[in-house]
Amino acid sequence: MGMGWSELLKQDHEITERVFAAMESAFASPGGPSPVMVAKLREYVCDYVDRCHNMKEERHLFPLIEELGVPRHGGPLAVMLAEHETGRQILSRFAPLADAVAAGDGSRAVELGKAFREYAALCKDHFWKENDILYPMALRLMSERDGAAVVAGIEDVETGLGPQTRERYYRLAQEIIDAGNLDDLAVGLDPAVLAAILNTLPVELSFVDQDDTVRYFSHEHGEKIFGRTRGVIGTQVQNCHPQQSVHVVNQILADFKAGSRQVAEFWIEMNGRMVHIRYWPVRNPEGRYLGCLETVQDVTGIRALTGERRLLDA
């Protein structure tokens, strides 16, 4: 089953935000972005974000929302349309600056960076409003048939810009992201903060590397479902399991390394609690196997949940 209209548009938002992050990093670097990177950015934001993504909304999503009772003048729909126009005004300044810098005129780089940051700030705030306010409101109003019509409209806009429009521009976006050497969000965290986050999760974590050696476990100083001490670090994971279950461990690891399994899942009753245990292959962005992550969670309380709770307890 294909993605719905809101998923397609949110995917555009997510990829564009990664482009912005890569370019923000490039503009902040001593030499600034290369002329080639600037040319790609101009093509992406002008030809895809404005002339494709925004058109998907203006030609198909927004008119349908209006038909369903949301006024075009006033309210969230009016705000979205106004911000599209503001974005175009910024791009009218950004595009000639980008052309000049891409052609080798470094004297316009500072002005270009200012225009880019202005546009990126507008879009990021705009995307948040759409993701969290406009799209959920539209989904509540729409029928399944309405949603299918918007998806068809999105495809029509893309087709009008040539074959494989989304794929072409997503490849262009990835080229910008790769050139910007965009790090994972975790890289910017202080290691002590990252450790505190992992130890705060209501899930116990253990990690063994590609050579089946135990390298990490969380909640070292807290209560654990399965007790572990630092002595386990550096040992083979097979030595951490009863002999009668080692063949299962080896099968899971072999499947992960071969790419034939994406999760191994178990649940057991232990001391009056229901414990959920899962194993996951850990891979880098290129798909190389890095090791195996074990997650252990007491799901007794989760299994007992009924009804809903939408307000904070006193």
C-alpha atoms as a PDB file:
ATOM      1  CA  MET A   1       0.000   0.000   0.000  1.00  0.00           C
ATOM      2  CA  GLY A   2       1.393   3.395  -0.999  1.00  0.00           C
ATOM      3  CA  MET A   3       1.833   6.386   1.244  1.00  0.00           C
ATOM      4  CA  GLY A   4      -1.046   8.731   1.926  1.00  0.00           C
ATOM      5  CA  TRP A   5      -0.951  12.397   0.963  1.00  0.00           C
ATOM      6  CA  SER A   6       0.161  13.624   4.389  1.00  0.00           C
ATOM      7  CA  GLU A   7       2.994  11.079   4.487  1.00  0.00           C
ATOM      8  CA  LEU A   8       4.168  12.160   1.026  1.00  0.00           C
ATOM      9  CA  LEU A   9       4.162  15.837   1.956  1.00  0.00           C
ATOM     10  CA  LYS A  10       5.816  15.219   5.312  1.00  0.00           C
ATOM     11  CA  GLN A  11       8.532  13.237   3.547  1.00  0.00           C
ATOM     12  CA  ASP A  12       9.186  16.322   1.401  1.00  0.00           C
ATOM     13  CA  HIS A  13       9.439  18.374   4.596  1.00  0.00           C
ATOM     14  CA  GLU A  14      11.852  15.972   6.268  1.00  0.00           C
ATOM     15  CA  ILE A  15      14.211  15.759   3.300  1.00  0.00           C
ATOM     16  CA  THR A  16      14.129  19.525   2.792  1.00  0.00           C
ATOM     17  CA  GLU A  17      14.963  20.122   6.457  1.00  0.00           C
ATOM     18  CA  ARG A  18      18.006  17.872   6.057  1.00  0.00           C
ATOM     19  CA  VAL A  19      19.049  19.926   3.021  1.00  0.00           C
ATOM     20  CA  PHE A  20      18.707  23.075   5.132  1.00  0.00           C
ATOM     21  CA  ALA A  21      20.792  21.555   7.931  1.00  0.00           C
ATOM     22  CA  ALA A  22      23.542  20.564   5.494  1.00  0.00           C
ATOM     23  CA  MET A  23      23.593  24.036   3.944  1.00  0.00           C
ATOM     24  CA  GLU A  24      23.559  25.759   7.336  1.00  0.00           C
ATOM     25  CA  SER A  25      26.672  23.779   8.182  1.00  0.00           C
ATOM     26  CA  ALA A  26      28.249  24.673   4.828  1.00  0.00           C
ATOM     27  CA  PHE A  27      27.512  28.396   5.190  1.00  0.00           C
ATOM     28  CA  ALA A  28      28.962  28.334   8.717  1.00  0.00           C
ATOM     29  CA  SER A  29      32.229  26.746   7.538  1.00  0.00           C
ATOM     30  CA  PRO A  30      35.254  29.022   6.882  1.00  0.00           C
ATOM     31  CA  GLY A  31      35.139  28.655   3.104  1.00  0.00           C
ATOM     32  CA  GLY A  32      31.371  28.541   2.793  1.00  0.00           C
ATOM     33  CA  PRO A  33      29.564  26.255   0.352  1.00  0.00           C
ATOM     34  CA  SER A  34      31.157  25.470  -2.987  1.00  0.00           C
ATOM     35  CA  PRO A  35      29.698  27.021  -6.166  1.00  0.00           C
ATOM     36  CA  VAL A  36      28.486  23.551  -7.189  1.00  0.00           C
ATOM     37  CA  MET A  37      26.682  23.106  -3.861  1.00  0.00           C
ATOM     38  CA  VAL A  38      25.067  26.543  -4.219  1.00  0.00           C
ATOM     39  CA  ALA A  39      23.855  25.698  -7.729  1.00  0.00           C
ATOM     40  CA  LYS A  40      22.286  22.473  -6.464  1.00  0.00           C
ATOM     41  CA  LEU A  41      20.625  24.291  -3.575  1.00  0.00           C
ATOM     42  CA  ARG A  42      19.138  26.868  -5.948  1.00  0.00           C
ATOM     43  CA  GLU A  43      17.741  24.137  -8.181  1.00  0.00           C
ATOM     44  CA  TYR A  44      16.299  22.214  -5.258  1.00  0.00           C
ATOM     45  CA  VAL A  45      14.544  25.039  -3.414  1.00  0.00           C
ATOM     46  CA  CYS A  46      13.332  26.907  -6.488  1.00  0.00           C
ATOM     47  CA  ASP A  47      12.342  23.989  -8.693  1.00  0.00           C
ATOM     48  CA  TYR A  48      11.246  21.431  -6.136  1.00  0.00           C
ATOM     49  CA  VAL A  49      10.276  23.115  -2.861  1.00  0.00           C
ATOM     50  CA  ASP A  50       8.453  26.038  -4.470  1.00  0.00           C
ATOM     51  CA  ARG A  51       7.406  24.870  -7.938  1.00  0.00           C
ATOM     52  CA  CYS A  52       6.623  21.275  -6.998  1.00  0.00           C
ATOM     53  CA  HIS A  53       5.986  20.773  -3.277  1.00  0.00           C
ATOM     54  CA  ASN A  54       4.077  24.017  -2.785  1.00  0.00           C
ATOM     55  CA  MET A  55       2.073  23.397  -5.960  1.00  0.00           C
ATOM     56  CA  LYS A  56       0.964  20.016  -4.654  1.00  0.00           C
ATOM     57  CA  GLU A  57      -0.663  21.871  -1.795  1.00  0.00           C
ATOM     58  CA  GLU A  58      -1.938  24.935  -3.647  1.00  0.00           C
ATOM     59  CA  ARG A  59      -3.502  23.041  -6.551  1.00  0.00           C
ATOM     60  CA  HIS A  60      -4.886  20.021  -4.745  1.00  0.00           C
ATOM     61  CA  LEU A  61      -4.720  20.002  -0.931  1.00  0.00           C
ATOM     62  CA  PHE A  62      -5.695  23.579  -0.128  1.00  0.00           C
ATOM     63  CA  PRO A  63      -8.703  23.787  -2.526  1.00  0.00           C
ATOM     64  CA  LEU A  64     -10.092  20.555  -1.098  1.00  0.00           C
ATOM     65  CA  ILE A  65      -9.686  21.809   2.467  1.00  0.00           C
ATOM     66  CA  GLU A  66     -11.549  24.951   1.435  1.00  0.00           C
ATOM     67  CA  GLU A  67     -14.369  22.870  -0.066  1.00  0.00           C
ATOM     68  CA  LEU A  68     -14.628  21.021   3.235  1.00  0.00           C
ATOM     69  CA  GLY A  69     -15.324  24.234   5.110  1.00  0.00           C
ATOM     70  CA  VAL A  70     -11.970  25.775   6.030  1.00  0.00           C
ATOM     71  CA  PRO A  71     -11.991  29.442   4.917  1.00  0.00           C
ATOM     72  CA  ARG A  72      -9.323  30.591   2.509  1.00  0.00           C
ATOM     73  CA  HIS A  73      -9.213  34.037   4.112  1.00  0.00           C
ATOM     74  CA  GLY A  74      -8.429  33.778   7.813  1.00  0.00           C
ATOM     75  CA  GLY A  75      -7.317  30.774   9.845  1.00  0.00           C
ATOM     76  CA  PRO A  76      -4.532  28.276   9.172  1.00  0.00           C
ATOM     77  CA  LEU A  77      -5.166  27.974   5.431  1.00  0.00           C
ATOM     78  CA  ALA A  78      -4.708  31.706   4.944  1.00  0.00           C
ATOM     79  CA  VAL A  79      -1.501  31.619   6.977  1.00  0.00           C
ATOM     80  CA  MET A  80      -0.060  28.807   4.851  1.00  0.00           C
ATOM     81  CA  LEU A  81      -0.848  30.631   1.603  1.00  0.00           C
ATOM     82  CA  ALA A  82       0.645  33.866   2.909  1.00  0.00           C
ATOM     83  CA  GLU A  83       3.839  32.067   3.940  1.00  0.00           C
ATOM     84  CA  HIS A  84       4.138  30.497   0.491  1.00  0.00           C
ATOM     85  CA  GLU A  85       4.079  34.006  -0.960  1.00  0.00           C
ATOM     86  CA  THR A  86       6.624  35.253   1.563  1.00  0.00           C
ATOM     87  CA  GLY A  87       8.877  32.364   0.584  1.00  0.00           C
ATOM     88  CA  ARG A  88       8.622  33.351  -3.074  1.00  0.00           C
ATOM     89  CA  GLN A  89       9.591  36.911  -2.224  1.00  0.00           C
ATOM     90  CA  ILE A  90      12.701  35.645  -0.454  1.00  0.00           C
ATOM     91  CA  LEU A  91      13.518  33.340  -3.373  1.00  0.00           C
ATOM     92  CA  SER A  92      13.261  36.273  -5.773  1.00  0.00           C
ATOM     93  CA  ARG A  93      16.256  37.742  -3.905  1.00  0.00           C
ATOM     94  CA  PHE A  94      17.953  34.411  -3.270  1.00  0.00           C
ATOM     95  CA  ALA A  95      17.955  33.084  -6.863  1.00  0.00           C
ATOM     96  CA  PRO A  96      20.079  35.825  -8.535  1.00  0.00           C
ATOM     97  CA  LEU A  97      22.487  35.779  -5.586  1.00  0.00           C
ATOM     98  CA  ALA A  98      22.836  32.010  -5.928  1.00  0.00           C
ATOM     99  CA  ASP A  99      23.413  32.358  -9.665  1.00  0.00           C
ATOM    100  CA  ALA A 100      26.184  34.871  -9.034  1.00  0.00           C
ATOM    101  CA  VAL A 101      27.933  32.784  -6.358  1.00  0.00           C
ATOM    102  CA  ALA A 102      27.568  29.616  -8.450  1.00  0.00           C
ATOM    103  CA  ALA A 103      29.256  31.466 -11.305  1.00  0.00           C
ATOM    104  CA  GLY A 104      32.210  32.315  -9.068  1.00  0.00           C
ATOM    105  CA  ASP A 105      31.303  35.724  -7.592  1.00  0.00           C
ATOM    106  CA  GLY A 106      32.347  35.189  -3.985  1.00  0.00           C
ATOM    107  CA  SER A 107      31.536  38.806  -3.062  1.00  0.00           C
ATOM    108  CA  ARG A 108      27.833  37.903  -2.897  1.00  0.00           C
ATOM    109  CA  ALA A 109      28.298  34.935  -0.555  1.00  0.00           C
ATOM    110  CA  VAL A 110      27.476  36.772   2.681  1.00  0.00           C
ATOM    111  CA  GLU A 111      24.310  38.243   1.218  1.00  0.00           C
ATOM    112  CA  LEU A 112      23.384  34.831  -0.165  1.00  0.00           C
ATOM    113  CA  GLY A 113      23.877  33.213   3.235  1.00  0.00           C
ATOM    114  CA  LYS A 114      21.580  35.761   4.838  1.00  0.00           C
ATOM    115  CA  ALA A 115      18.835  35.148   2.257  1.00  0.00           C
ATOM    116  CA  PHE A 116      19.206  31.390   2.629  1.00  0.00           C
ATOM    117  CA  ARG A 117      18.918  31.508   6.423  1.00  0.00           C
ATOM    118  CA  GLU A 118      15.830  33.694   6.131  1.00  0.00           C
ATOM    119  CA  TYR A 119      14.199  31.240   3.736  1.00  0.00           C
ATOM    120  CA  ALA A 120      15.173  28.170   5.773  1.00  0.00           C
ATOM    121  CA  ALA A 121      13.807  29.700   8.989  1.00  0.00           C
ATOM    122  CA  LEU A 122      10.501  30.509   7.282  1.00  0.00           C
ATOM    123  CA  CYS A 123      10.169  27.013   5.799  1.00  0.00           C
ATOM    124  CA  LYS A 124      11.026  25.151   8.993  1.00  0.00           C
ATOM    125  CA  ASP A 125       8.400  27.085  10.941  1.00  0.00           C
ATOM    126  CA  HIS A 126       5.950  26.616   8.056  1.00  0.00           C
ATOM    127  CA  PHE A 127       6.541  22.857   7.903  1.00  0.00           C
ATOM    128  CA  TRP A 128       5.918  22.562  11.631  1.00  0.00           C
ATOM    129  CA  LYS A 129       2.559  24.353  11.300  1.00  0.00           C
ATOM    130  CA  GLU A 130       1.529  22.078   8.458  1.00  0.00           C
ATOM    131  CA  ASN A 131       2.685  18.851  10.133  1.00  0.00           C
ATOM    132  CA  ASP A 132       1.143  19.627  13.532  1.00  0.00           C
ATOM    133  CA  ILE A 133      -1.872  21.800  12.722  1.00  0.00           C
ATOM    134  CA  LEU A 134      -3.047  21.908   9.108  1.00  0.00           C
ATOM    135  CA  TYR A 135      -2.540  18.284   8.071  1.00  0.00           C
ATOM    136  CA  PRO A 136      -4.184  16.744  11.186  1.00  0.00           C
ATOM    137  CA  MET A 137      -7.126  19.114  10.738  1.00  0.00           C
ATOM    138  CA  ALA A 138      -7.437  18.145   7.069  1.00  0.00           C
ATOM    139  CA  LEU A 139      -7.257  14.424   7.872  1.00  0.00           C
ATOM    140  CA  ARG A 140     -10.172  14.801  10.302  1.00  0.00           C
ATOM    141  CA  LEU A 141     -12.276  16.421   7.588  1.00  0.00           C
ATOM    142  CA  MET A 142     -11.381  14.163   4.664  1.00  0.00           C
ATOM    143  CA  SER A 143     -12.942  10.965   3.478  1.00  0.00           C
ATOM    144  CA  GLU A 144     -10.856   8.131   2.070  1.00  0.00           C
ATOM    145  CA  ARG A 145     -11.910   9.254  -1.400  1.00  0.00           C
ATOM    146  CA  ASP A 146     -10.726  12.804  -0.674  1.00  0.00           C
ATOM    147  CA  GLY A 147      -7.334  11.504   0.410  1.00  0.00           C
ATOM    148  CA  ALA A 148      -6.966   9.441  -2.738  1.00  0.00           C
ATOM    149  CA  ALA A 149      -7.790  12.518  -4.838  1.00  0.00           C
ATOM    150  CA  VAL A 150      -4.998  14.513  -3.179  1.00  0.00           C
ATOM    151  CA  VAL A 151      -2.519  11.671  -3.770  1.00  0.00           C
ATOM    152  CA  ALA A 152      -3.538  11.629  -7.443  1.00  0.00           C
ATOM    153  CA  GLY A 153      -3.076  15.401  -7.562  1.00  0.00           C
ATOM    154  CA  ILE A 154       0.405  15.124  -6.059  1.00  0.00           C
ATOM    155  CA  GLU A 155       1.331  12.577  -8.707  1.00  0.00           C
ATOM    156  CA  ASP A 156      -0.117  14.829 -11.425  1.00  0.00           C
ATOM    157  CA  VAL A 157       2.026  17.792 -10.337  1.00  0.00           C
ATOM    158  CA  GLU A 158       5.146  15.637 -10.295  1.00  0.00           C
ATOM    159  CA  THR A 159       4.385  14.097 -13.685  1.00  0.00           C
ATOM    160  CA  GLY A 160       3.967  17.572 -15.157  1.00  0.00           C
ATOM    161  CA  LEU A 161       7.584  18.338 -14.253  1.00  0.00           C
ATOM    162  CA  GLY A 162       9.016  15.294 -16.025  1.00  0.00           C
ATOM    163  CA  PRO A 163       9.652  11.605 -15.410  1.00  0.00           C
ATOM    164  CA  GLN A 164      10.529  10.457 -11.888  1.00  0.00           C
ATOM    165  CA  THR A 165      10.374  13.992 -10.520  1.00  0.00           C
ATOM    166  CA  ARG A 166      10.413  13.063  -6.857  1.00  0.00           C
ATOM    167  CA  GLU A 167      13.225  10.547  -7.309  1.00  0.00           C
ATOM    168  CA  ARG A 168      15.334  13.052  -9.276  1.00  0.00           C
ATOM    169  CA  TYR A 169      15.000  15.814  -6.723  1.00  0.00           C
ATOM    170  CA  TYR A 170      15.434  13.474  -3.777  1.00  0.00           C
ATOM    171  CA  ARG A 171      18.728  12.368  -5.356  1.00  0.00           C
ATOM    172  CA  LEU A 172      19.688  16.020  -5.726  1.00  0.00           C
ATOM    173  CA  ALA A 173      18.787  16.616  -2.075  1.00  0.00           C
ATOM    174  CA  GLN A 174      20.939  13.678  -1.016  1.00  0.00           C
ATOM    175  CA  GLU A 175      23.886  15.063  -2.993  1.00  0.00           C
ATOM    176  CA  ILE A 176      23.557  18.317  -1.028  1.00  0.00           C
ATOM    177  CA  ILE A 177      23.243  16.449   2.258  1.00  0.00           C
ATOM    178  CA  ASP A 178      26.294  14.304   1.493  1.00  0.00           C
ATOM    179  CA  ALA A 179      28.359  17.341   0.492  1.00  0.00           C
ATOM    180  CA  GLY A 180      27.414  19.008   3.773  1.00  0.00           C
ATOM    181  CA  ASN A 181      28.784  16.092   5.798  1.00  0.00           C
ATOM    182  CA  LEU A 182      25.637  16.141   7.893  1.00  0.00           C
ATOM    183  CA  ASP A 183      26.193  14.268  11.145  1.00  0.00           C
ATOM    184  CA  ASP A 184      23.620  12.263  13.028  1.00  0.00           C
ATOM    185  CA  LEU A 185      21.868  14.366  15.675  1.00  0.00           C
ATOM    186  CA  ALA A 186      23.483  12.300  18.421  1.00  0.00           C
ATOM    187  CA  VAL A 187      26.957  13.481  17.384  1.00  0.00           C
ATOM    188  CA  GLY A 188      26.303  16.950  18.756  1.00  0.00           C
ATOM    189  CA  LEU A 189      25.260  15.722  22.191  1.00  0.00           C
ATOM    190  CA  ASP A 190      27.633  15.741  25.137  1.00  0.00           C
ATOM    191  CA  PRO A 191      28.512  12.067  25.821  1.00  0.00           C
ATOM    192  CA  ALA A 192      27.287  12.463  29.419  1.00  0.00           C
ATOM    193  CA  VAL A 193      23.919  13.732  28.154  1.00  0.00           C
ATOM    194  CA  LEU A 194      23.657  10.881  25.647  1.00  0.00           C
ATOM    195  CA  ALA A 195      24.464   8.355  28.410  1.00  0.00           C
ATOM    196  CA  ALA A 196      21.811   9.923  30.634  1.00  0.00           C
ATOM    197  CA  ILE A 197      19.245   9.654  27.831  1.00  0.00           C
ATOM    198  CA  LEU A 198      20.004   5.959  27.304  1.00  0.00           C
ATOM    199  CA  ASN A 199      19.798   5.299  31.033  1.00  0.00           C
ATOM    200  CA  THR A 200      16.461   7.137  31.248  1.00  0.00           C
ATOM    201  CA  LEU A 201      14.754   5.030  28.605  1.00  0.00           C
ATOM    202  CA  PRO A 202      12.157   2.630  30.059  1.00  0.00           C
ATOM    203  CA  VAL A 203      13.955  -0.079  28.084  1.00  0.00           C
ATOM    204  CA  GLU A 204      17.212  -1.819  28.979  1.00  0.00           C
ATOM    205  CA  LEU A 205      19.752  -1.851  26.162  1.00  0.00           C
ATOM    206  CA  SER A 206      22.676  -4.146  25.427  1.00  0.00           C
ATOM    207  CA  PHE A 207      24.933  -3.984  22.374  1.00  0.00           C
ATOM    208  CA  VAL A 208      27.297  -6.558  20.907  1.00  0.00           C
ATOM    209  CA  ASP A 209      29.546  -5.599  18.008  1.00  0.00           C
ATOM    210  CA  GLN A 210      30.025  -7.233  14.604  1.00  0.00           C
ATOM    211  CA  ASP A 211      32.403  -9.736  16.190  1.00  0.00           C
ATOM    212  CA  ASP A 212      29.764 -10.789  18.775  1.00  0.00           C
ATOM    213  CA  THR A 213      31.630  -9.052  21.611  1.00  0.00           C
ATOM    214  CA  VAL A 214      29.612  -7.299  24.333  1.00  0.00           C
ATOM    215  CA  ARG A 215      30.427  -3.577  24.218  1.00  0.00           C
ATOM    216  CA  TYR A 216      27.671  -1.773  26.151  1.00  0.00           C
ATOM    217  CA  PHE A 217      24.682  -2.098  28.441  1.00  0.00           C
ATOM    218  CA  SER A 218      22.484   0.629  29.926  1.00  0.00           C
ATOM    219  CA  HIS A 219      21.123   1.241  33.439  1.00  0.00           C
ATOM    220  CA  GLU A 220      24.388   0.137  35.044  1.00  0.00           C
ATOM    221  CA  HIS A 221      23.543   1.862  38.333  1.00  0.00           C
ATOM    222  CA  GLY A 222      19.790   1.221  38.291  1.00  0.00           C
ATOM    223  CA  GLU A 223      17.537  -1.747  38.859  1.00  0.00           C
ATOM    224  CA  LYS A 224      17.672  -4.163  35.937  1.00  0.00           C
ATOM    225  CA  ILE A 225      15.457  -7.017  34.820  1.00  0.00           C
ATOM    226  CA  PHE A 226      18.518  -9.029  33.836  1.00  0.00           C
ATOM    227  CA  GLY A 227      21.438  -8.280  36.106  1.00  0.00           C
ATOM    228  CA  ARG A 228      24.716  -7.306  34.425  1.00  0.00           C
ATOM    229  CA  THR A 229      28.034  -6.026  35.683  1.00  0.00           C
ATOM    230  CA  ARG A 230      31.017  -4.465  33.924  1.00  0.00           C
ATOM    231  CA  GLY A 231      32.711  -7.830  33.871  1.00  0.00           C
ATOM    232  CA  VAL A 232      30.585  -8.789  30.863  1.00  0.00           C
ATOM    233  CA  ILE A 233      32.122  -6.048  28.688  1.00  0.00           C
ATOM    234  CA  GLY A 234      34.610  -7.537  26.245  1.00  0.00           C
ATOM    235  CA  THR A 235      33.264 -11.098  26.459  1.00  0.00           C
ATOM    236  CA  GLN A 236      31.637 -13.068  23.656  1.00  0.00           C
ATOM    237  CA  VAL A 237      27.860 -12.818  23.798  1.00  0.00           C
ATOM    238  CA  GLN A 238      27.570 -16.599  23.480  1.00  0.00           C
ATOM    239  CA  ASN A 239      29.164 -16.873  26.921  1.00  0.00           C
ATOM    240  CA  CYS A 240      26.357 -14.757  28.397  1.00  0.00           C
ATOM    241  CA  HIS A 241      23.636 -17.285  27.578  1.00  0.00           C
ATOM    242  CA  PRO A 242      22.868 -20.801  28.837  1.00  0.00           C
ATOM    243  CA  GLN A 243      24.505 -23.471  26.716  1.00  0.00           C
ATOM    244  CA  GLN A 244      21.136 -24.853  25.615  1.00  0.00           C
ATOM    245  CA  SER A 245      20.187 -21.518  23.999  1.00  0.00           C
ATOM    246  CA  VAL A 246      23.499 -20.640  22.335  1.00  0.00           C
ATOM    247  CA  HIS A 247      22.358 -22.170  19.045  1.00  0.00           C
ATOM    248  CA  VAL A 248      19.425 -19.713  19.006  1.00  0.00           C
ATOM    249  CA  VAL A 249      21.783 -16.790  19.655  1.00  0.00           C
ATOM    250  CA  ASN A 250      24.053 -17.924  16.830  1.00  0.00           C
ATOM    251  CA  GLN A 251      21.105 -18.302  14.450  1.00  0.00           C
ATOM    252  CA  ILE A 252      19.846 -14.794  15.210  1.00  0.00           C
ATOM    253  CA  LEU A 253      23.292 -13.263  14.701  1.00  0.00           C
ATOM    254  CA  ALA A 254      23.859 -15.212  11.487  1.00  0.00           C
ATOM    255  CA  ASP A 255      20.497 -14.048  10.118  1.00  0.00           C
ATOM    256  CA  PHE A 256      21.268 -10.433  11.015  1.00  0.00           C
ATOM    257  CA  LYS A 257      24.656 -10.569   9.326  1.00  0.00           C
ATOM    258  CA  ALA A 258      23.104 -12.132   6.231  1.00  0.00           C
ATOM    259  CA  GLY A 259      20.331  -9.537   6.164  1.00  0.00           C
ATOM    260  CA  SER A 260      17.611 -12.189   6.258  1.00  0.00           C
ATOM    261  CA  ARG A 261      16.049 -11.096   9.560  1.00  0.00           C
ATOM    262  CA  GLN A 262      15.133  -7.647  10.875  1.00  0.00           C
ATOM    263  CA  VAL A 263      14.057  -8.516  14.414  1.00  0.00           C
ATOM    264  CA  ALA A 264      13.957 -11.498  16.769  1.00  0.00           C
ATOM    265  CA  GLU A 265      11.265 -11.249  19.414  1.00  0.00           C
ATOM    266  CA  PHE A 266      10.461 -13.131  22.620  1.00  0.00           C
ATOM    267  CA  TRP A 267       8.308 -12.591  25.692  1.00  0.00           C
ATOM    268  CA  ILE A 268       8.380 -14.404  29.000  1.00  0.00           C
ATOM    269  CA  GLU A 269       6.635 -14.291  32.359  1.00  0.00           C
ATOM    270  CA  MET A 270       9.139 -13.721  35.141  1.00  0.00           C
ATOM    271  CA  ASN A 271       8.421 -13.021  38.812  1.00  0.00           C
ATOM    272  CA  GLY A 272       4.886 -11.904  38.061  1.00  0.00           C
ATOM    273  CA  ARG A 273       5.973  -9.608  35.227  1.00  0.00           C
ATOM    274  CA  MET A 274       5.620  -9.893  31.469  1.00  0.00           C
ATOM    275  CA  VAL A 275       9.020  -9.186  29.935  1.00  0.00           C
ATOM    276  CA  HIS A 276       9.387  -8.323  26.236  1.00  0.00           C
ATOM    277  CA  ILE A 277      12.807  -9.075  24.683  1.00  0.00           C
ATOM    278  CA  ARG A 278      13.827  -8.063  21.183  1.00  0.00           C
ATOM    279  CA  TYR A 279      17.032  -8.216  19.159  1.00  0.00           C
ATOM    280  CA  TRP A 280      17.743  -5.802  16.322  1.00  0.00           C
ATOM    281  CA  PRO A 281      20.503  -5.611  13.697  1.00  0.00           C
ATOM    282  CA  VAL A 282      22.379  -2.301  13.893  1.00  0.00           C
ATOM    283  CA  ARG A 283      23.584  -0.972  10.555  1.00  0.00           C
ATOM    284  CA  ASN A 284      25.266   2.199   9.372  1.00  0.00           C
ATOM    285  CA  PRO A 285      23.590   4.413   6.709  1.00  0.00           C
ATOM    286  CA  GLU A 286      25.257   2.356   3.976  1.00  0.00           C
ATOM    287  CA  GLY A 287      23.762  -0.856   5.397  1.00  0.00           C
ATOM    288  CA  ARG A 288      26.950  -2.358   6.842  1.00  0.00           C
ATOM    289  CA  TYR A 289      26.298  -4.572   9.864  1.00  0.00           C
ATOM    290  CA  LEU A 290      27.695  -3.008  13.053  1.00  0.00           C
ATOM    291  CA  GLY A 291      26.302  -5.356  15.661  1.00  0.00           C
ATOM    292  CA  CYS A 292      23.196  -6.448  17.521  1.00  0.00           C
ATOM    293  CA  LEU A 293      21.060  -4.410  19.933  1.00  0.00           C
ATOM    294  CA  GLU A 294      19.031  -6.163  22.637  1.00  0.00           C
ATOM    295  CA  THR A 295      16.049  -4.333  24.159  1.00  0.00           C
ATOM    296  CA  VAL A 296      14.395  -5.615  27.324  1.00  0.00           C
ATOM    297  CA  GLN A 297      11.197  -4.064  28.675  1.00  0.00           C
ATOM    298  CA  ASP A 298       8.739  -4.810  31.454  1.00  0.00           C
ATOM    299  CA  VAL A 299       5.421  -4.504  29.581  1.00  0.00           C
ATOM    300  CA  THR A 300       3.146  -5.651  32.421  1.00  0.00           C
ATOM    301  CA  GLY A 301       1.663  -2.189  32.870  1.00  0.00           C
ATOM    302  CA  ILE A 302       1.374  -1.601  29.144  1.00  0.00           C
ATOM    303  CA  ARG A 303      -0.588  -4.831  28.676  1.00  0.00           C
ATOM    304  CA  ALA A 304      -3.031  -3.721  31.390  1.00  0.00           C
ATOM    305  CA  LEU A 305      -3.880  -0.369  29.782  1.00  0.00           C
ATOM    306  CA  THR A 306      -7.505   0.253  28.786  1.00  0.00           C
ATOM    307  CA  GLY A 307      -9.402   3.256  27.494  1.00  0.00           C
ATOM    308  CA  GLU A 308      -7.541   6.517  27.066  1.00  0.00           C
ATOM    309  CA  ARG A 309      -5.690   9.100  29.138  1.00  0.00           C
ATOM    310  CA  ARG A 310      -5.354  12.475  27.426  1.00  0.00           C
ATOM    311  CA  LEU A 311      -4.739  14.694  30.457  1.00  0.00           C
ATOM    312  CA  LEU A 312      -1.844  14.862  32.902  1.00  0.00           C
ATOM    313  CA  ASP A 313      -2.448  13.103  36.189  1.00  0.00           C
ATOM    314  CA  ALA A 314      -2.601  15.367  39.238  1.00  0.00           C
END
